[in-house]
Amino acid sequence: MDLEFRYQEEFWRNTRGVQLFTCKWLPLSSPKALVFLCHGYGMECSRFMRECGVRLACARYAVYGVDYEGHGRSEGVRCYIKNFNNLVNDCYDFFKSVSVLQEYKGKARFLYGESMGGAVSLLLHQKDPSFWDGAVLVAPMCKISEKVKPHQVVINILTKVEDIIPKWKIVPTKDVINLAFKDPAKRERIRKNKLYTQDKPRLKTALEMLRTSMSLEDTLYKVTLPFFVMHGETDTVTDQNNSVAFEASNSTTETYNYDIEKLTPVVSAANTSMKQTYRRKSYLCGFKGSSWLQSLGRIRLIINTLWLEL
């Protein structure tokens, strides 16, 4: 069968001189909109988020992804995050360089973020609130679950030595793969992905992620872009209570019920093995901002493309 999209890879150099791996899935005809992928910690775009890219491109979306510094096929110390803002700024610069291309003039721009990528998406929104037309957030890292976060005493000790041994892999954490993925076959596929990092988080990386999640937890009420949140009740890596907190903010929110039997698993983080991962049939949907009515229909189309049977 002929492909309904074309896939390309290339490297892009950020403002710090680091070469970052980028990939794109493009429809054969003019795209309806742009979707930018933000992957999770230790993950990458070309393999782990491939199914998202393929589905969206076949539905006539232009999909772009970038591996963060130190992730996937990008340069940098493996999974070392010296400053979380570096990730955000790199994504912003690359995504904006794509958005301003002549062929995409007037096209809507959406963010798709999983886990830590959800945090990146929200910070991209904070950086330039009017630039994005909406977001799809899967188990966003707005708060790290107490089940995987070290004790506060340990955090205090680690904070005092983070500038001395920032790259040491000494942060005590549980096996995230076992916690995040319920399907044994899926766990095995993830472990065999050589681009995925399975080591303990580096000290500076872990503290940067913790600080970022705490900051987002305190500023969720400031989110103004239309968005959709999917977060399973049984998630033990990122705290689903903070996704529910979106509903309590001062903007318009709606909750939609999807029949779990009609959900089609997508091979990417936190949304595979739906029937095992999510107990309820309800998924929190938040649509915010003055233009939320205009973007609501567009976001629904993205959701249907990714998760509902075609």
C-alpha atoms as a PDB file:
ATOM      1  CA  MET A   1       0.000   0.000   0.000  1.00  0.00           C
ATOM      2  CA  ASP A   2       1.315   3.443  -0.896  1.00  0.00           C
ATOM      3  CA  LEU A   3       2.259   5.639   2.041  1.00  0.00           C
ATOM      4  CA  GLU A   4      -0.027   8.584   2.713  1.00  0.00           C
ATOM      5  CA  PHE A   5       2.824  10.639   4.163  1.00  0.00           C
ATOM      6  CA  ARG A   6       6.556  11.181   3.871  1.00  0.00           C
ATOM      7  CA  TYR A   7       9.024  10.961   6.756  1.00  0.00           C
ATOM      8  CA  GLN A   8      12.276  12.928   7.014  1.00  0.00           C
ATOM      9  CA  GLU A   9      15.090  13.375   9.539  1.00  0.00           C
ATOM     10  CA  GLU A  10      17.687  16.095   9.940  1.00  0.00           C
ATOM     11  CA  PHE A  11      19.843  17.812  12.550  1.00  0.00           C
ATOM     12  CA  TRP A  12      19.300  21.369  13.762  1.00  0.00           C
ATOM     13  CA  ARG A  13      21.816  23.401  15.775  1.00  0.00           C
ATOM     14  CA  ASN A  14      20.542  25.307  18.820  1.00  0.00           C
ATOM     15  CA  THR A  15      21.816  28.633  20.147  1.00  0.00           C
ATOM     16  CA  ARG A  16      24.347  26.818  22.383  1.00  0.00           C
ATOM     17  CA  GLY A  17      25.887  25.087  19.365  1.00  0.00           C
ATOM     18  CA  VAL A  18      24.430  21.663  20.181  1.00  0.00           C
ATOM     19  CA  GLN A  19      23.109  19.569  17.290  1.00  0.00           C
ATOM     20  CA  LEU A  20      19.601  18.297  17.967  1.00  0.00           C
ATOM     21  CA  PHE A  21      17.907  15.500  16.059  1.00  0.00           C
ATOM     22  CA  THR A  22      14.612  16.477  14.438  1.00  0.00           C
ATOM     23  CA  CYS A  23      12.064  14.486  12.476  1.00  0.00           C
ATOM     24  CA  LYS A  24       8.857  15.176  10.613  1.00  0.00           C
ATOM     25  CA  TRP A  25       5.867  13.318   9.214  1.00  0.00           C
ATOM     26  CA  LEU A  26       4.276  15.273   6.379  1.00  0.00           C
ATOM     27  CA  PRO A  27       1.041  14.598   4.480  1.00  0.00           C
ATOM     28  CA  LEU A  28       1.267  14.386   0.707  1.00  0.00           C
ATOM     29  CA  SER A  29      -1.223  17.241   0.348  1.00  0.00           C
ATOM     30  CA  SER A  30      -1.469  20.619   2.070  1.00  0.00           C
ATOM     31  CA  PRO A  31      -1.712  20.104   5.873  1.00  0.00           C
ATOM     32  CA  LYS A  32      -4.739  21.122   7.908  1.00  0.00           C
ATOM     33  CA  ALA A  33      -2.565  22.277  10.816  1.00  0.00           C
ATOM     34  CA  LEU A  34       0.810  21.821  12.518  1.00  0.00           C
ATOM     35  CA  VAL A  35       1.371  19.494  15.478  1.00  0.00           C
ATOM     36  CA  PHE A  36       4.605  19.689  17.479  1.00  0.00           C
ATOM     37  CA  LEU A  37       5.650  16.696  19.590  1.00  0.00           C
ATOM     38  CA  CYS A  38       7.205  17.057  23.051  1.00  0.00           C
ATOM     39  CA  HIS A  39       8.458  13.701  24.337  1.00  0.00           C
ATOM     40  CA  GLY A  40       8.961  12.546  27.916  1.00  0.00           C
ATOM     41  CA  TYR A  41      12.085  12.148  30.029  1.00  0.00           C
ATOM     42  CA  GLY A  42      14.548   9.629  28.604  1.00  0.00           C
ATOM     43  CA  MET A  43      12.413   9.180  25.488  1.00  0.00           C
ATOM     44  CA  GLU A  44      12.739  10.377  21.880  1.00  0.00           C
ATOM     45  CA  CYS A  45      10.513  11.159  18.914  1.00  0.00           C
ATOM     46  CA  SER A  46      11.469   9.071  15.885  1.00  0.00           C
ATOM     47  CA  ARG A  47      10.639   5.640  17.329  1.00  0.00           C
ATOM     48  CA  PHE A  48       8.730   6.157  20.553  1.00  0.00           C
ATOM     49  CA  MET A  49       6.278   8.689  19.124  1.00  0.00           C
ATOM     50  CA  ARG A  50       6.260   7.319  15.597  1.00  0.00           C
ATOM     51  CA  GLU A  51       2.668   6.071  15.721  1.00  0.00           C
ATOM     52  CA  CYS A  52       1.439   9.528  16.731  1.00  0.00           C
ATOM     53  CA  GLY A  53       3.304  11.061  13.808  1.00  0.00           C
ATOM     54  CA  VAL A  54       2.015   8.493  11.330  1.00  0.00           C
ATOM     55  CA  ARG A  55      -1.625   8.737  12.418  1.00  0.00           C
ATOM     56  CA  LEU A  56      -1.644  12.518  12.358  1.00  0.00           C
ATOM     57  CA  ALA A  57       0.195  12.788   9.034  1.00  0.00           C
ATOM     58  CA  CYS A  58      -2.255  10.343   7.443  1.00  0.00           C
ATOM     59  CA  ALA A  59      -5.019  12.626   8.703  1.00  0.00           C
ATOM     60  CA  ARG A  60      -3.290  15.577   6.949  1.00  0.00           C
ATOM     61  CA  TYR A  61      -1.421  17.167   9.841  1.00  0.00           C
ATOM     62  CA  ALA A  62       2.209  18.242   9.482  1.00  0.00           C
ATOM     63  CA  VAL A  63       3.964  16.730  12.507  1.00  0.00           C
ATOM     64  CA  TYR A  64       7.374  17.816  13.822  1.00  0.00           C
ATOM     65  CA  GLY A  65       9.441  16.468  16.692  1.00  0.00           C
ATOM     66  CA  VAL A  66      12.815  17.248  18.248  1.00  0.00           C
ATOM     67  CA  ASP A  67      14.889  15.160  20.648  1.00  0.00           C
ATOM     68  CA  TYR A  68      15.923  17.300  23.618  1.00  0.00           C
ATOM     69  CA  GLU A  69      19.619  17.842  24.293  1.00  0.00           C
ATOM     70  CA  GLY A  70      21.028  14.618  25.732  1.00  0.00           C
ATOM     71  CA  HIS A  71      18.031  12.593  24.549  1.00  0.00           C
ATOM     72  CA  GLY A  72      17.546  10.220  21.642  1.00  0.00           C
ATOM     73  CA  ARG A  73      19.916  11.011  18.783  1.00  0.00           C
ATOM     74  CA  SER A  74      20.692  14.568  19.873  1.00  0.00           C
ATOM     75  CA  GLU A  75      24.119  15.631  21.121  1.00  0.00           C
ATOM     76  CA  GLY A  76      24.777  16.200  24.795  1.00  0.00           C
ATOM     77  CA  VAL A  77      25.420  14.289  28.009  1.00  0.00           C
ATOM     78  CA  ARG A  78      22.821  11.514  28.203  1.00  0.00           C
ATOM     79  CA  CYS A  79      19.692  12.818  29.951  1.00  0.00           C
ATOM     80  CA  TYR A  80      21.533  15.667  31.656  1.00  0.00           C
ATOM     81  CA  ILE A  81      19.283  18.702  32.099  1.00  0.00           C
ATOM     82  CA  LYS A  82      21.401  21.574  33.386  1.00  0.00           C
ATOM     83  CA  ASN A  83      18.524  24.015  33.095  1.00  0.00           C
ATOM     84  CA  PHE A  84      14.959  23.029  32.185  1.00  0.00           C
ATOM     85  CA  ASN A  85      14.516  26.326  30.363  1.00  0.00           C
ATOM     86  CA  ASN A  86      17.102  25.131  27.824  1.00  0.00           C
ATOM     87  CA  LEU A  87      14.685  22.406  26.707  1.00  0.00           C
ATOM     88  CA  VAL A  88      11.842  24.882  26.444  1.00  0.00           C
ATOM     89  CA  ASN A  89      13.885  27.467  24.548  1.00  0.00           C
ATOM     90  CA  ASP A  90      15.226  24.869  22.104  1.00  0.00           C
ATOM     91  CA  CYS A  91      11.720  23.613  21.340  1.00  0.00           C
ATOM     92  CA  TYR A  92      10.429  27.142  20.986  1.00  0.00           C
ATOM     93  CA  ASP A  93      13.187  28.169  18.577  1.00  0.00           C
ATOM     94  CA  PHE A  94      12.824  25.052  16.427  1.00  0.00           C
ATOM     95  CA  PHE A  95       9.021  24.995  16.409  1.00  0.00           C
ATOM     96  CA  LYS A  96       8.864  28.682  15.568  1.00  0.00           C
ATOM     97  CA  SER A  97      11.401  28.292  12.741  1.00  0.00           C
ATOM     98  CA  VAL A  98       9.043  25.719  11.233  1.00  0.00           C
ATOM     99  CA  SER A  99       5.890  27.735  11.848  1.00  0.00           C
ATOM    100  CA  VAL A 100       7.141  30.802   9.964  1.00  0.00           C
ATOM    101  CA  LEU A 101       7.818  28.856   6.760  1.00  0.00           C
ATOM    102  CA  GLN A 102       5.832  30.240   3.832  1.00  0.00           C
ATOM    103  CA  GLU A 103       3.982  26.950   3.221  1.00  0.00           C
ATOM    104  CA  TYR A 104       2.608  27.073   6.768  1.00  0.00           C
ATOM    105  CA  LYS A 105       1.420  30.655   6.721  1.00  0.00           C
ATOM    106  CA  GLY A 106      -1.951  30.880   8.445  1.00  0.00           C
ATOM    107  CA  LYS A 107      -1.867  27.272   9.708  1.00  0.00           C
ATOM    108  CA  ALA A 108      -2.999  26.540  13.265  1.00  0.00           C
ATOM    109  CA  ARG A 109      -0.257  25.367  15.665  1.00  0.00           C
ATOM    110  CA  PHE A 110      -0.829  22.684  18.295  1.00  0.00           C
ATOM    111  CA  LEU A 111       1.409  21.126  20.941  1.00  0.00           C
ATOM    112  CA  TYR A 112       1.317  17.454  21.907  1.00  0.00           C
ATOM    113  CA  GLY A 113       3.158  16.658  25.147  1.00  0.00           C
ATOM    114  CA  GLU A 114       3.581  13.448  27.104  1.00  0.00           C
ATOM    115  CA  SER A 115       4.678  13.343  30.763  1.00  0.00           C
ATOM    116  CA  MET A 116       7.702  15.690  30.972  1.00  0.00           C
ATOM    117  CA  GLY A 117       6.753  16.832  27.479  1.00  0.00           C
ATOM    118  CA  GLY A 118       3.469  18.034  28.941  1.00  0.00           C
ATOM    119  CA  ALA A 119       5.459  20.332  31.205  1.00  0.00           C
ATOM    120  CA  VAL A 120       7.484  21.523  28.214  1.00  0.00           C
ATOM    121  CA  SER A 121       4.236  22.253  26.351  1.00  0.00           C
ATOM    122  CA  LEU A 122       2.808  24.296  29.220  1.00  0.00           C
ATOM    123  CA  LEU A 123       6.039  26.278  29.541  1.00  0.00           C
ATOM    124  CA  LEU A 124       6.024  26.927  25.788  1.00  0.00           C
ATOM    125  CA  HIS A 125       2.549  28.358  26.268  1.00  0.00           C
ATOM    126  CA  GLN A 126       3.764  30.538  29.146  1.00  0.00           C
ATOM    127  CA  LYS A 127       6.672  31.759  27.019  1.00  0.00           C
ATOM    128  CA  ASP A 128       4.415  32.928  24.178  1.00  0.00           C
ATOM    129  CA  PRO A 129       0.723  32.606  25.167  1.00  0.00           C
ATOM    130  CA  SER A 130      -0.755  33.909  21.920  1.00  0.00           C
ATOM    131  CA  PHE A 131       1.385  31.809  19.564  1.00  0.00           C
ATOM    132  CA  TRP A 132      -0.233  28.402  20.152  1.00  0.00           C
ATOM    133  CA  ASP A 133      -3.754  27.422  19.149  1.00  0.00           C
ATOM    134  CA  GLY A 134      -4.108  24.526  21.577  1.00  0.00           C
ATOM    135  CA  ALA A 135      -2.489  21.527  23.223  1.00  0.00           C
ATOM    136  CA  VAL A 136      -3.041  17.838  23.891  1.00  0.00           C
ATOM    137  CA  LEU A 137      -1.469  16.781  27.196  1.00  0.00           C
ATOM    138  CA  VAL A 138      -1.019  13.121  28.146  1.00  0.00           C
ATOM    139  CA  ALA A 139      -0.200  12.519  31.831  1.00  0.00           C
ATOM    140  CA  PRO A 140       1.516  15.936  32.027  1.00  0.00           C
ATOM    141  CA  MET A 141       4.293  16.399  34.584  1.00  0.00           C
ATOM    142  CA  CYS A 142       2.604  19.117  36.608  1.00  0.00           C
ATOM    143  CA  LYS A 143       3.505  17.264  39.793  1.00  0.00           C
ATOM    144  CA  ILE A 144       5.721  14.235  40.343  1.00  0.00           C
ATOM    145  CA  SER A 145       3.932  11.453  42.187  1.00  0.00           C
ATOM    146  CA  GLU A 146       4.895  10.912  45.821  1.00  0.00           C
ATOM    147  CA  LYS A 147       5.346   7.226  44.939  1.00  0.00           C
ATOM    148  CA  VAL A 148       8.471   7.953  42.889  1.00  0.00           C
ATOM    149  CA  LYS A 149       9.693  11.183  44.507  1.00  0.00           C
ATOM    150  CA  PRO A 150      12.490  10.829  47.102  1.00  0.00           C
ATOM    151  CA  HIS A 151      11.804  11.771  50.720  1.00  0.00           C
ATOM    152  CA  GLN A 152      12.095  15.492  51.486  1.00  0.00           C
ATOM    153  CA  VAL A 153      15.126  14.869  53.709  1.00  0.00           C
ATOM    154  CA  VAL A 154      16.874  13.208  50.773  1.00  0.00           C
ATOM    155  CA  ILE A 155      15.885  16.105  48.490  1.00  0.00           C
ATOM    156  CA  ASN A 156      17.356  18.631  50.950  1.00  0.00           C
ATOM    157  CA  ILE A 157      20.646  16.734  51.056  1.00  0.00           C
ATOM    158  CA  LEU A 158      20.830  16.371  47.286  1.00  0.00           C
ATOM    159  CA  THR A 159      20.114  20.077  46.780  1.00  0.00           C
ATOM    160  CA  LYS A 160      23.206  20.986  48.809  1.00  0.00           C
ATOM    161  CA  VAL A 161      25.520  18.987  46.549  1.00  0.00           C
ATOM    162  CA  GLU A 162      23.870  19.473  43.141  1.00  0.00           C
ATOM    163  CA  ASP A 163      26.480  21.982  41.950  1.00  0.00           C
ATOM    164  CA  ILE A 164      29.323  19.738  43.122  1.00  0.00           C
ATOM    165  CA  ILE A 165      28.193  16.492  41.481  1.00  0.00           C
ATOM    166  CA  PRO A 166      25.450  17.595  39.045  1.00  0.00           C
ATOM    167  CA  LYS A 167      25.904  14.681  36.622  1.00  0.00           C
ATOM    168  CA  TRP A 168      26.039  11.847  39.140  1.00  0.00           C
ATOM    169  CA  LYS A 169      23.322   9.207  38.794  1.00  0.00           C
ATOM    170  CA  ILE A 170      22.549   8.932  42.492  1.00  0.00           C
ATOM    171  CA  VAL A 171      18.888   9.905  42.801  1.00  0.00           C
ATOM    172  CA  PRO A 172      16.973   6.970  44.349  1.00  0.00           C
ATOM    173  CA  THR A 173      13.931   6.188  42.194  1.00  0.00           C
ATOM    174  CA  LYS A 174      11.752   3.200  41.418  1.00  0.00           C
ATOM    175  CA  ASP A 175      11.641   1.517  38.008  1.00  0.00           C
ATOM    176  CA  VAL A 176       9.627   4.010  35.945  1.00  0.00           C
ATOM    177  CA  ILE A 177       9.018   1.538  33.110  1.00  0.00           C
ATOM    178  CA  ASN A 178       7.312  -0.907  35.470  1.00  0.00           C
ATOM    179  CA  LEU A 179       5.240   1.899  36.975  1.00  0.00           C
ATOM    180  CA  ALA A 180       4.270   3.635  33.727  1.00  0.00           C
ATOM    181  CA  PHE A 181       3.524   0.652  31.505  1.00  0.00           C
ATOM    182  CA  LYS A 182       1.142  -2.112  32.538  1.00  0.00           C
ATOM    183  CA  ASP A 183       1.617  -4.331  29.483  1.00  0.00           C
ATOM    184  CA  PRO A 184       4.659  -6.677  29.879  1.00  0.00           C
ATOM    185  CA  ALA A 185       5.164  -6.814  26.104  1.00  0.00           C
ATOM    186  CA  LYS A 186       5.229  -3.019  25.932  1.00  0.00           C
ATOM    187  CA  ARG A 187       7.755  -2.875  28.776  1.00  0.00           C
ATOM    188  CA  GLU A 188      10.010  -5.245  26.879  1.00  0.00           C
ATOM    189  CA  ARG A 189       9.807  -3.159  23.686  1.00  0.00           C
ATOM    190  CA  ILE A 190      10.708  -0.012  25.628  1.00  0.00           C
ATOM    191  CA  ARG A 191      13.699  -1.687  27.273  1.00  0.00           C
ATOM    192  CA  LYS A 192      14.963  -2.849  23.864  1.00  0.00           C
ATOM    193  CA  ASN A 193      14.858   0.693  22.461  1.00  0.00           C
ATOM    194  CA  LYS A 194      18.539   1.667  22.577  1.00  0.00           C
ATOM    195  CA  LEU A 195      17.604   5.338  22.335  1.00  0.00           C
ATOM    196  CA  TYR A 196      15.747   5.136  25.658  1.00  0.00           C
ATOM    197  CA  THR A 197      17.731   5.837  28.841  1.00  0.00           C
ATOM    198  CA  GLN A 198      17.082   3.398  31.696  1.00  0.00           C
ATOM    199  CA  ASP A 199      19.635   4.678  34.229  1.00  0.00           C
ATOM    200  CA  LYS A 200      18.794   6.539  37.413  1.00  0.00           C
ATOM    201  CA  PRO A 201      18.293  10.281  36.831  1.00  0.00           C
ATOM    202  CA  ARG A 202      21.317  12.526  37.164  1.00  0.00           C
ATOM    203  CA  LEU A 203      21.238  14.733  40.254  1.00  0.00           C
ATOM    204  CA  LYS A 204      20.793  18.070  38.489  1.00  0.00           C
ATOM    205  CA  THR A 205      18.264  16.565  36.080  1.00  0.00           C
ATOM    206  CA  ALA A 206      16.063  15.204  38.856  1.00  0.00           C
ATOM    207  CA  LEU A 207      16.085  18.479  40.771  1.00  0.00           C
ATOM    208  CA  GLU A 208      15.327  20.518  37.643  1.00  0.00           C
ATOM    209  CA  MET A 209      12.341  18.280  36.911  1.00  0.00           C
ATOM    210  CA  LEU A 210      11.147  18.573  40.510  1.00  0.00           C
ATOM    211  CA  ARG A 211      11.437  22.373  40.527  1.00  0.00           C
ATOM    212  CA  THR A 212       9.666  22.623  37.186  1.00  0.00           C
ATOM    213  CA  SER A 213       6.760  20.465  38.328  1.00  0.00           C
ATOM    214  CA  MET A 214       6.424  22.461  41.559  1.00  0.00           C
ATOM    215  CA  SER A 215       6.407  25.731  39.618  1.00  0.00           C
ATOM    216  CA  LEU A 216       3.736  24.462  37.229  1.00  0.00           C
ATOM    217  CA  GLU A 217       1.662  23.172  40.123  1.00  0.00           C
ATOM    218  CA  ASP A 218       1.512  26.725  41.473  1.00  0.00           C
ATOM    219  CA  THR A 219       0.693  28.366  38.130  1.00  0.00           C
ATOM    220  CA  LEU A 220      -1.894  26.066  36.533  1.00  0.00           C
ATOM    221  CA  TYR A 221      -4.520  28.751  37.022  1.00  0.00           C
ATOM    222  CA  LYS A 222      -2.624  30.930  34.532  1.00  0.00           C
ATOM    223  CA  VAL A 223      -3.100  28.518  31.624  1.00  0.00           C
ATOM    224  CA  THR A 224      -5.170  30.231  28.940  1.00  0.00           C
ATOM    225  CA  LEU A 225      -4.779  28.116  25.809  1.00  0.00           C
ATOM    226  CA  PRO A 226      -7.392  25.545  24.784  1.00  0.00           C
ATOM    227  CA  PHE A 227      -6.234  22.068  25.763  1.00  0.00           C
ATOM    228  CA  PHE A 228      -7.191  18.439  26.258  1.00  0.00           C
ATOM    229  CA  VAL A 229      -5.865  16.417  29.198  1.00  0.00           C
ATOM    230  CA  MET A 230      -5.755  12.637  29.382  1.00  0.00           C
ATOM    231  CA  HIS A 231      -4.526  11.170  32.658  1.00  0.00           C
ATOM    232  CA  GLY A 232      -5.184   7.701  34.058  1.00  0.00           C
ATOM    233  CA  GLU A 233      -6.337   7.234  37.628  1.00  0.00           C
ATOM    234  CA  THR A 234      -3.716   4.534  38.171  1.00  0.00           C
ATOM    235  CA  ASP A 235      -0.746   6.689  37.090  1.00  0.00           C
ATOM    236  CA  THR A 236       2.015   6.352  39.704  1.00  0.00           C
ATOM    237  CA  VAL A 237       4.680   8.456  37.960  1.00  0.00           C
ATOM    238  CA  THR A 238       3.022  11.840  37.421  1.00  0.00           C
ATOM    239  CA  ASP A 239       0.266  12.932  39.793  1.00  0.00           C
ATOM    240  CA  GLN A 240      -3.162  12.785  38.107  1.00  0.00           C
ATOM    241  CA  ASN A 241      -4.631  15.034  40.827  1.00  0.00           C
ATOM    242  CA  ASN A 242      -2.892  17.997  39.264  1.00  0.00           C
ATOM    243  CA  SER A 243      -4.460  17.251  35.894  1.00  0.00           C
ATOM    244  CA  VAL A 244      -7.806  17.326  37.673  1.00  0.00           C
ATOM    245  CA  ALA A 245      -6.737  20.677  39.141  1.00  0.00           C
ATOM    246  CA  PHE A 246      -7.119  22.204  35.671  1.00  0.00           C
ATOM    247  CA  GLU A 247     -10.849  21.742  36.138  1.00  0.00           C
ATOM    248  CA  ALA A 248     -10.819  23.910  39.251  1.00  0.00           C
ATOM    249  CA  SER A 249      -9.191  26.904  37.552  1.00  0.00           C
ATOM    250  CA  ASN A 250     -11.010  30.072  36.594  1.00  0.00           C
ATOM    251  CA  SER A 251     -11.506  29.251  32.915  1.00  0.00           C
ATOM    252  CA  THR A 252     -14.033  27.171  31.016  1.00  0.00           C
ATOM    253  CA  THR A 253     -13.636  23.397  31.318  1.00  0.00           C
ATOM    254  CA  GLU A 254     -15.585  20.418  30.069  1.00  0.00           C
ATOM    255  CA  THR A 255     -15.397  16.725  30.919  1.00  0.00           C
ATOM    256  CA  TYR A 256     -15.975  14.165  28.172  1.00  0.00           C
ATOM    257  CA  ASN A 257     -16.666  10.454  28.511  1.00  0.00           C
ATOM    258  CA  TYR A 258     -15.137   8.130  25.935  1.00  0.00           C
ATOM    259  CA  ASP A 259     -16.029   4.460  25.703  1.00  0.00           C
ATOM    260  CA  ILE A 260     -12.781   2.765  26.675  1.00  0.00           C
ATOM    261  CA  GLU A 261     -13.584  -0.197  24.414  1.00  0.00           C
ATOM    262  CA  LYS A 262     -13.406   2.107  21.376  1.00  0.00           C
ATOM    263  CA  LEU A 263     -10.027   3.557  22.200  1.00  0.00           C
ATOM    264  CA  THR A 264      -7.259   2.464  19.867  1.00  0.00           C
ATOM    265  CA  PRO A 265      -3.852   2.223  21.612  1.00  0.00           C
ATOM    266  CA  VAL A 266      -1.169   4.476  20.165  1.00  0.00           C
ATOM    267  CA  VAL A 267       2.424   3.336  20.563  1.00  0.00           C
ATOM    268  CA  SER A 268       3.744   6.204  22.654  1.00  0.00           C
ATOM    269  CA  ALA A 269       4.221   7.190  26.267  1.00  0.00           C
ATOM    270  CA  ALA A 270       1.514   6.862  28.870  1.00  0.00           C
ATOM    271  CA  ASN A 271      -1.329   6.175  26.459  1.00  0.00           C
ATOM    272  CA  THR A 272      -0.637   2.598  25.412  1.00  0.00           C
ATOM    273  CA  SER A 273      -2.518  -0.388  26.785  1.00  0.00           C
ATOM    274  CA  MET A 274      -5.533   1.791  27.482  1.00  0.00           C
ATOM    275  CA  LYS A 275      -7.675  -0.973  28.885  1.00  0.00           C
ATOM    276  CA  GLN A 276      -5.029  -1.890  31.445  1.00  0.00           C
ATOM    277  CA  THR A 277      -3.896   1.638  32.257  1.00  0.00           C
ATOM    278  CA  TYR A 278      -7.136   3.576  32.655  1.00  0.00           C
ATOM    279  CA  ARG A 279      -9.896   2.385  34.958  1.00  0.00           C
ATOM    280  CA  ARG A 280     -12.608   4.881  34.178  1.00  0.00           C
ATOM    281  CA  LYS A 281     -14.235   5.867  30.921  1.00  0.00           C
ATOM    282  CA  SER A 282     -13.912   9.586  31.667  1.00  0.00           C
ATOM    283  CA  TYR A 283     -11.101  11.818  30.501  1.00  0.00           C
ATOM    284  CA  LEU A 284     -10.738  15.397  31.642  1.00  0.00           C
ATOM    285  CA  CYS A 285     -11.005  17.904  28.830  1.00  0.00           C
ATOM    286  CA  GLY A 286     -10.146  21.550  29.451  1.00  0.00           C
ATOM    287  CA  PHE A 287     -10.723  24.187  26.832  1.00  0.00           C
ATOM    288  CA  LYS A 288      -9.596  27.616  27.959  1.00  0.00           C
ATOM    289  CA  GLY A 289      -9.142  31.128  26.674  1.00  0.00           C
ATOM    290  CA  SER A 290     -11.158  33.571  24.612  1.00  0.00           C
ATOM    291  CA  SER A 291     -10.719  31.530  21.409  1.00  0.00           C
ATOM    292  CA  TRP A 292     -11.507  28.152  22.934  1.00  0.00           C
ATOM    293  CA  LEU A 293     -14.693  27.672  20.932  1.00  0.00           C
ATOM    294  CA  GLN A 294     -12.794  28.100  17.679  1.00  0.00           C
ATOM    295  CA  SER A 295     -10.072  25.643  18.721  1.00  0.00           C
ATOM    296  CA  LEU A 296     -12.372  23.092  20.357  1.00  0.00           C
ATOM    297  CA  GLY A 297     -13.336  21.422  17.093  1.00  0.00           C
ATOM    298  CA  ARG A 298      -9.736  21.284  15.889  1.00  0.00           C
ATOM    299  CA  ILE A 299      -8.544  19.635  19.104  1.00  0.00           C
ATOM    300  CA  ARG A 300     -11.367  17.106  18.947  1.00  0.00           C
ATOM    301  CA  LEU A 301     -10.192  16.093  15.467  1.00  0.00           C
ATOM    302  CA  ILE A 302      -6.665  15.500  16.784  1.00  0.00           C
ATOM    303  CA  ILE A 303      -8.028  13.450  19.689  1.00  0.00           C
ATOM    304  CA  ASN A 304     -10.178  11.343  17.382  1.00  0.00           C
ATOM    305  CA  THR A 305      -7.244  10.767  15.042  1.00  0.00           C
ATOM    306  CA  LEU A 306      -5.000   9.528  17.848  1.00  0.00           C
ATOM    307  CA  TRP A 307      -7.302   7.463  20.008  1.00  0.00           C
ATOM    308  CA  LEU A 308     -10.656   6.640  18.485  1.00  0.00           C
ATOM    309  CA  GLU A 309     -11.139   3.851  15.992  1.00  0.00           C
ATOM    310  CA  LEU A 310     -11.120   5.189  12.432  1.00  0.00           C
END
